[in-house]
Amino acid sequence: MTQTREQLLATIRERMVAYASSHLGREWAEDMAQETLLVLEQKYGDKDRPEDLLPIAFQVLRFKLTEFRRKTTRRGEWDTEPVDELPLADGRANQAVDLERRELQARLEEAIAKLDGRCRDLFRLKLEDKSFEEIRKEMGAAAINTVYTWDHRCRQRLLELMGGQWVKGERAGKENAR
């Protein structure tokens, strides 16, 4: 008994959904199978035998799955957790983070106040999102390498004024190791 093209595509679709579900999950498998069927209709409308369509269908599906993974990995979506499933924080963790941030800001402001004028000007221009070339022109440096050197020395001096580490406490080793 021969199948019509529609019956054949329905059978192939079921197999593709099962295959894609085992690799991605059911919510994406339906979409992948549907996209593959569209390609089969558009490009392989002349094929109507199972031995012709099945290998093509699964090759297209594998390409679609690879493309999907590549795209979601590039966007950072592959390993994210849905927000609605995360437990609610009790607020104390946020208070601790806020306290750390305020302490760091106070230490930073205190250290910046101790810097000489050129370093303060350099940091101000960087915070204004100026490029190093724009900073060179504004500060009257002859070469851009001079600005790079000033930037390096100013950051080193700022680190010294902050006690040799950006973050206090347990996390300091981890943060400075990066």
C-alpha atoms as a PDB file:
ATOM      1  CA  MET A   1       0.000   0.000   0.000  1.00  0.00           C
ATOM      2  CA  THR A   2       1.479   3.326  -1.047  1.00  0.00           C
ATOM      3  CA  GLN A   3       1.080   6.425   1.036  1.00  0.00           C
ATOM      4  CA  THR A   4       0.079   9.813  -0.255  1.00  0.00           C
ATOM      5  CA  ARG A   5       2.614  12.597   0.137  1.00  0.00           C
ATOM      6  CA  GLU A   6       0.562  14.129   2.992  1.00  0.00           C
ATOM      7  CA  GLN A   7       0.507  10.818   4.890  1.00  0.00           C
ATOM      8  CA  LEU A   8       4.224  10.382   4.309  1.00  0.00           C
ATOM      9  CA  LEU A   9       4.968  13.888   5.586  1.00  0.00           C
ATOM     10  CA  ALA A  10       2.762  13.295   8.648  1.00  0.00           C
ATOM     11  CA  THR A  11       4.697  10.127   9.453  1.00  0.00           C
ATOM     12  CA  ILE A  12       8.032  11.851   8.918  1.00  0.00           C
ATOM     13  CA  ARG A  13       6.867  14.767  11.080  1.00  0.00           C
ATOM     14  CA  GLU A  14       6.086  12.432  13.992  1.00  0.00           C
ATOM     15  CA  ARG A  15       9.551  10.883  13.750  1.00  0.00           C
ATOM     16  CA  MET A  16      11.219  14.299  13.530  1.00  0.00           C
ATOM     17  CA  VAL A  17       9.323  15.581  16.573  1.00  0.00           C
ATOM     18  CA  ALA A  18      10.399  12.517  18.546  1.00  0.00           C
ATOM     19  CA  TYR A  19      14.017  12.957  17.451  1.00  0.00           C
ATOM     20  CA  ALA A  20      14.089  16.707  18.119  1.00  0.00           C
ATOM     21  CA  SER A  21      12.376  16.210  21.497  1.00  0.00           C
ATOM     22  CA  SER A  22      15.176  13.931  22.582  1.00  0.00           C
ATOM     23  CA  HIS A  23      17.702  16.667  21.757  1.00  0.00           C
ATOM     24  CA  LEU A  24      15.938  19.913  22.663  1.00  0.00           C
ATOM     25  CA  GLY A  25      12.699  19.257  24.461  1.00  0.00           C
ATOM     26  CA  ARG A  26       9.123  19.139  23.293  1.00  0.00           C
ATOM     27  CA  GLU A  27       8.520  22.900  23.204  1.00  0.00           C
ATOM     28  CA  TRP A  28      11.161  23.398  20.493  1.00  0.00           C
ATOM     29  CA  ALA A  29      10.708  20.090  18.687  1.00  0.00           C
ATOM     30  CA  GLU A  30       7.362  21.057  17.146  1.00  0.00           C
ATOM     31  CA  ASP A  31       8.866  24.241  15.697  1.00  0.00           C
ATOM     32  CA  MET A  32      11.918  22.449  14.330  1.00  0.00           C
ATOM     33  CA  ALA A  33       9.769  19.786  12.667  1.00  0.00           C
ATOM     34  CA  GLN A  34       7.511  22.433  11.142  1.00  0.00           C
ATOM     35  CA  GLU A  35      10.468  24.404   9.772  1.00  0.00           C
ATOM     36  CA  THR A  36      11.894  21.210   8.288  1.00  0.00           C
ATOM     37  CA  LEU A  37       8.574  20.378   6.630  1.00  0.00           C
ATOM     38  CA  LEU A  38       8.538  23.842   5.068  1.00  0.00           C
ATOM     39  CA  VAL A  39      11.971  23.203   3.548  1.00  0.00           C
ATOM     40  CA  LEU A  40      10.800  19.817   2.259  1.00  0.00           C
ATOM     41  CA  GLU A  41       7.765  21.388   0.614  1.00  0.00           C
ATOM     42  CA  GLN A  42       9.686  24.293  -0.896  1.00  0.00           C
ATOM     43  CA  LYS A  43      12.813  22.537  -2.115  1.00  0.00           C
ATOM     44  CA  TYR A  44      11.918  18.867  -2.372  1.00  0.00           C
ATOM     45  CA  GLY A  45       8.344  18.922  -3.629  1.00  0.00           C
ATOM     46  CA  ASP A  46       9.226  16.447  -6.372  1.00  0.00           C
ATOM     47  CA  LYS A  47      10.218  13.686  -3.898  1.00  0.00           C
ATOM     48  CA  ASP A  48       7.395  11.413  -2.758  1.00  0.00           C
ATOM     49  CA  ARG A  49       9.084   8.150  -1.785  1.00  0.00           C
ATOM     50  CA  PRO A  50       9.963   7.496   1.878  1.00  0.00           C
ATOM     51  CA  GLU A  51      13.491   6.361   0.990  1.00  0.00           C
ATOM     52  CA  ASP A  52      14.052   9.704  -0.748  1.00  0.00           C
ATOM     53  CA  LEU A  53      12.408  12.039   1.757  1.00  0.00           C
ATOM     54  CA  LEU A  54      13.424  10.516   5.092  1.00  0.00           C
ATOM     55  CA  PRO A  55      17.217  11.025   4.796  1.00  0.00           C
ATOM     56  CA  ILE A  56      16.736  14.533   3.442  1.00  0.00           C
ATOM     57  CA  ALA A  57      14.286  15.394   6.224  1.00  0.00           C
ATOM     58  CA  PHE A  58      16.642  14.271   8.976  1.00  0.00           C
ATOM     59  CA  GLN A  59      19.632  16.002   7.415  1.00  0.00           C
ATOM     60  CA  VAL A  60      17.686  19.275   7.252  1.00  0.00           C
ATOM     61  CA  LEU A  61      16.477  18.719  10.825  1.00  0.00           C
ATOM     62  CA  ARG A  62      20.055  18.190  12.062  1.00  0.00           C
ATOM     63  CA  PHE A  63      21.098  21.420  10.352  1.00  0.00           C
ATOM     64  CA  LYS A  64      18.161  23.224  11.982  1.00  0.00           C
ATOM     65  CA  LEU A  65      19.069  21.829  15.423  1.00  0.00           C
ATOM     66  CA  THR A  66      22.701  22.871  15.025  1.00  0.00           C
ATOM     67  CA  GLU A  67      21.680  26.336  13.890  1.00  0.00           C
ATOM     68  CA  PHE A  68      19.278  26.659  16.826  1.00  0.00           C
ATOM     69  CA  ARG A  69      21.923  25.644  19.376  1.00  0.00           C
ATOM     70  CA  ARG A  70      24.508  27.957  17.863  1.00  0.00           C
ATOM     71  CA  LYS A  71      22.105  30.894  17.908  1.00  0.00           C
ATOM     72  CA  THR A  72      20.883  30.325  21.462  1.00  0.00           C
ATOM     73  CA  THR A  73      24.422  29.794  22.736  1.00  0.00           C
ATOM     74  CA  ARG A  74      25.563  33.003  21.069  1.00  0.00           C
ATOM     75  CA  ARG A  75      22.660  34.869  22.685  1.00  0.00           C
ATOM     76  CA  GLY A  76      23.241  33.182  26.039  1.00  0.00           C
ATOM     77  CA  GLU A  77      19.797  31.588  26.050  1.00  0.00           C
ATOM     78  CA  TRP A  78      20.833  27.933  26.119  1.00  0.00           C
ATOM     79  CA  ASP A  79      21.700  27.676  29.795  1.00  0.00           C
ATOM     80  CA  THR A  80      19.450  30.318  31.306  1.00  0.00           C
ATOM     81  CA  GLU A  81      16.887  29.613  33.979  1.00  0.00           C
ATOM     82  CA  PRO A  82      13.332  30.894  33.657  1.00  0.00           C
ATOM     83  CA  VAL A  83      12.811  33.796  36.031  1.00  0.00           C
ATOM     84  CA  ASP A  84       9.409  32.595  37.180  1.00  0.00           C
ATOM     85  CA  GLU A  85      10.971  29.400  38.559  1.00  0.00           C
ATOM     86  CA  LEU A  86      13.636  31.129  40.654  1.00  0.00           C
ATOM     87  CA  PRO A  87      13.054  31.331  44.400  1.00  0.00           C
ATOM     88  CA  LEU A  88      12.364  34.780  45.767  1.00  0.00           C
ATOM     89  CA  ALA A  89      15.205  36.314  47.721  1.00  0.00           C
ATOM     90  CA  ASP A  90      14.596  37.276  51.312  1.00  0.00           C
ATOM     91  CA  GLY A  91      16.045  40.743  50.773  1.00  0.00           C
ATOM     92  CA  ARG A  92      19.020  40.293  53.090  1.00  0.00           C
ATOM     93  CA  ALA A  93      21.260  39.222  50.209  1.00  0.00           C
ATOM     94  CA  ASN A  94      20.354  42.394  48.319  1.00  0.00           C
ATOM     95  CA  GLN A  95      21.044  44.458  51.435  1.00  0.00           C
ATOM     96  CA  ALA A  96      24.490  42.879  51.728  1.00  0.00           C
ATOM     97  CA  VAL A  97      25.247  43.578  48.080  1.00  0.00           C
ATOM     98  CA  ASP A  98      24.011  47.164  48.457  1.00  0.00           C
ATOM     99  CA  LEU A  99      26.189  47.630  51.544  1.00  0.00           C
ATOM    100  CA  GLU A 100      29.246  46.269  49.709  1.00  0.00           C
ATOM    101  CA  ARG A 101      28.542  48.547  46.770  1.00  0.00           C
ATOM    102  CA  ARG A 102      28.187  51.612  49.028  1.00  0.00           C
ATOM    103  CA  GLU A 103      31.426  50.760  50.862  1.00  0.00           C
ATOM    104  CA  LEU A 104      33.275  50.282  47.585  1.00  0.00           C
ATOM    105  CA  GLN A 105      31.916  53.573  46.264  1.00  0.00           C
ATOM    106  CA  ALA A 106      33.023  55.387  49.428  1.00  0.00           C
ATOM    107  CA  ARG A 107      36.519  53.857  49.190  1.00  0.00           C
ATOM    108  CA  LEU A 108      36.695  54.742  45.515  1.00  0.00           C
ATOM    109  CA  GLU A 109      35.610  58.358  46.065  1.00  0.00           C
ATOM    110  CA  GLU A 110      38.131  58.721  48.906  1.00  0.00           C
ATOM    111  CA  ALA A 111      40.939  57.319  46.741  1.00  0.00           C
ATOM    112  CA  ILE A 112      40.020  59.454  43.731  1.00  0.00           C
ATOM    113  CA  ALA A 113      40.087  62.585  45.911  1.00  0.00           C
ATOM    114  CA  LYS A 114      43.731  61.785  46.734  1.00  0.00           C
ATOM    115  CA  LEU A 115      44.762  61.479  43.068  1.00  0.00           C
ATOM    116  CA  ASP A 116      46.591  64.268  41.285  1.00  0.00           C
ATOM    117  CA  GLY A 117      44.749  66.481  38.793  1.00  0.00           C
ATOM    118  CA  ARG A 118      45.818  64.654  35.636  1.00  0.00           C
ATOM    119  CA  CYS A 119      44.542  61.299  36.903  1.00  0.00           C
ATOM    120  CA  ARG A 120      41.238  62.813  38.036  1.00  0.00           C
ATOM    121  CA  ASP A 121      40.855  64.483  34.627  1.00  0.00           C
ATOM    122  CA  LEU A 122      41.687  61.233  32.852  1.00  0.00           C
ATOM    123  CA  PHE A 123      39.090  59.276  34.852  1.00  0.00           C
ATOM    124  CA  ARG A 124      36.503  62.018  34.317  1.00  0.00           C
ATOM    125  CA  LEU A 125      37.028  61.890  30.544  1.00  0.00           C
ATOM    126  CA  LYS A 126      36.842  58.088  30.531  1.00  0.00           C
ATOM    127  CA  LEU A 127      33.582  58.262  32.498  1.00  0.00           C
ATOM    128  CA  GLU A 128      32.292  60.695  29.870  1.00  0.00           C
ATOM    129  CA  ASP A 129      32.896  57.842  27.403  1.00  0.00           C
ATOM    130  CA  LYS A 130      35.629  59.643  25.509  1.00  0.00           C
ATOM    131  CA  SER A 131      37.964  57.576  23.346  1.00  0.00           C
ATOM    132  CA  PHE A 132      41.688  57.582  24.063  1.00  0.00           C
ATOM    133  CA  GLU A 133      42.225  59.701  20.948  1.00  0.00           C
ATOM    134  CA  GLU A 134      39.718  62.285  22.203  1.00  0.00           C
ATOM    135  CA  ILE A 135      41.390  62.233  25.614  1.00  0.00           C
ATOM    136  CA  ARG A 136      44.787  62.734  23.934  1.00  0.00           C
ATOM    137  CA  LYS A 137      43.543  65.834  22.150  1.00  0.00           C
ATOM    138  CA  GLU A 138      41.775  67.272  25.176  1.00  0.00           C
ATOM    139  CA  MET A 139      44.699  66.705  27.527  1.00  0.00           C
ATOM    140  CA  GLY A 140      47.279  67.907  24.983  1.00  0.00           C
ATOM    141  CA  ALA A 141      49.366  64.741  24.824  1.00  0.00           C
ATOM    142  CA  ALA A 142      51.702  64.384  21.870  1.00  0.00           C
ATOM    143  CA  ALA A 143      51.022  60.681  21.311  1.00  0.00           C
ATOM    144  CA  ILE A 144      48.233  58.285  22.174  1.00  0.00           C
ATOM    145  CA  ASN A 145      50.758  55.970  23.854  1.00  0.00           C
ATOM    146  CA  THR A 146      51.299  58.719  26.402  1.00  0.00           C
ATOM    147  CA  VAL A 147      47.614  58.533  27.312  1.00  0.00           C
ATOM    148  CA  TYR A 148      47.829  54.747  27.588  1.00  0.00           C
ATOM    149  CA  THR A 149      50.789  55.142  29.958  1.00  0.00           C
ATOM    150  CA  TRP A 150      48.958  57.764  32.036  1.00  0.00           C
ATOM    151  CA  ASP A 151      45.913  55.497  32.203  1.00  0.00           C
ATOM    152  CA  HIS A 152      47.969  52.528  33.374  1.00  0.00           C
ATOM    153  CA  ARG A 153      49.824  54.578  36.005  1.00  0.00           C
ATOM    154  CA  CYS A 154      46.628  56.241  37.233  1.00  0.00           C
ATOM    155  CA  ARG A 155      44.851  52.891  37.609  1.00  0.00           C
ATOM    156  CA  GLN A 156      47.851  51.479  39.485  1.00  0.00           C
ATOM    157  CA  ARG A 157      47.922  54.538  41.779  1.00  0.00           C
ATOM    158  CA  LEU A 158      44.185  54.252  42.395  1.00  0.00           C
ATOM    159  CA  LEU A 159      44.602  50.601  43.322  1.00  0.00           C
ATOM    160  CA  GLU A 160      47.382  51.515  45.766  1.00  0.00           C
ATOM    161  CA  LEU A 161      45.193  54.194  47.352  1.00  0.00           C
ATOM    162  CA  MET A 162      42.408  51.650  47.769  1.00  0.00           C
ATOM    163  CA  GLY A 163      44.684  49.374  49.767  1.00  0.00           C
ATOM    164  CA  GLY A 164      45.983  47.190  46.953  1.00  0.00           C
ATOM    165  CA  GLN A 165      42.672  45.495  46.201  1.00  0.00           C
ATOM    166  CA  TRP A 166      39.412  46.557  44.619  1.00  0.00           C
ATOM    167  CA  VAL A 167      37.168  44.519  46.901  1.00  0.00           C
ATOM    168  CA  LYS A 168      37.556  43.890  50.621  1.00  0.00           C
ATOM    169  CA  GLY A 169      36.993  40.579  52.366  1.00  0.00           C
ATOM    170  CA  GLU A 170      36.644  37.009  51.066  1.00  0.00           C
ATOM    171  CA  ARG A 171      35.855  37.952  47.475  1.00  0.00           C
ATOM    172  CA  ALA A 172      38.978  40.088  47.125  1.00  0.00           C
ATOM    173  CA  GLY A 173      41.167  37.176  46.076  1.00  0.00           C
ATOM    174  CA  LYS A 174      38.642  36.007  43.524  1.00  0.00           C
ATOM    175  CA  GLU A 175      38.065  39.471  42.083  1.00  0.00           C
ATOM    176  CA  ASN A 176      41.758  40.342  41.835  1.00  0.00           C
ATOM    177  CA  ALA A 177      42.584  36.965  40.283  1.00  0.00           C
ATOM    178  CA  ARG A 178      40.595  37.848  37.167  1.00  0.00           C
END
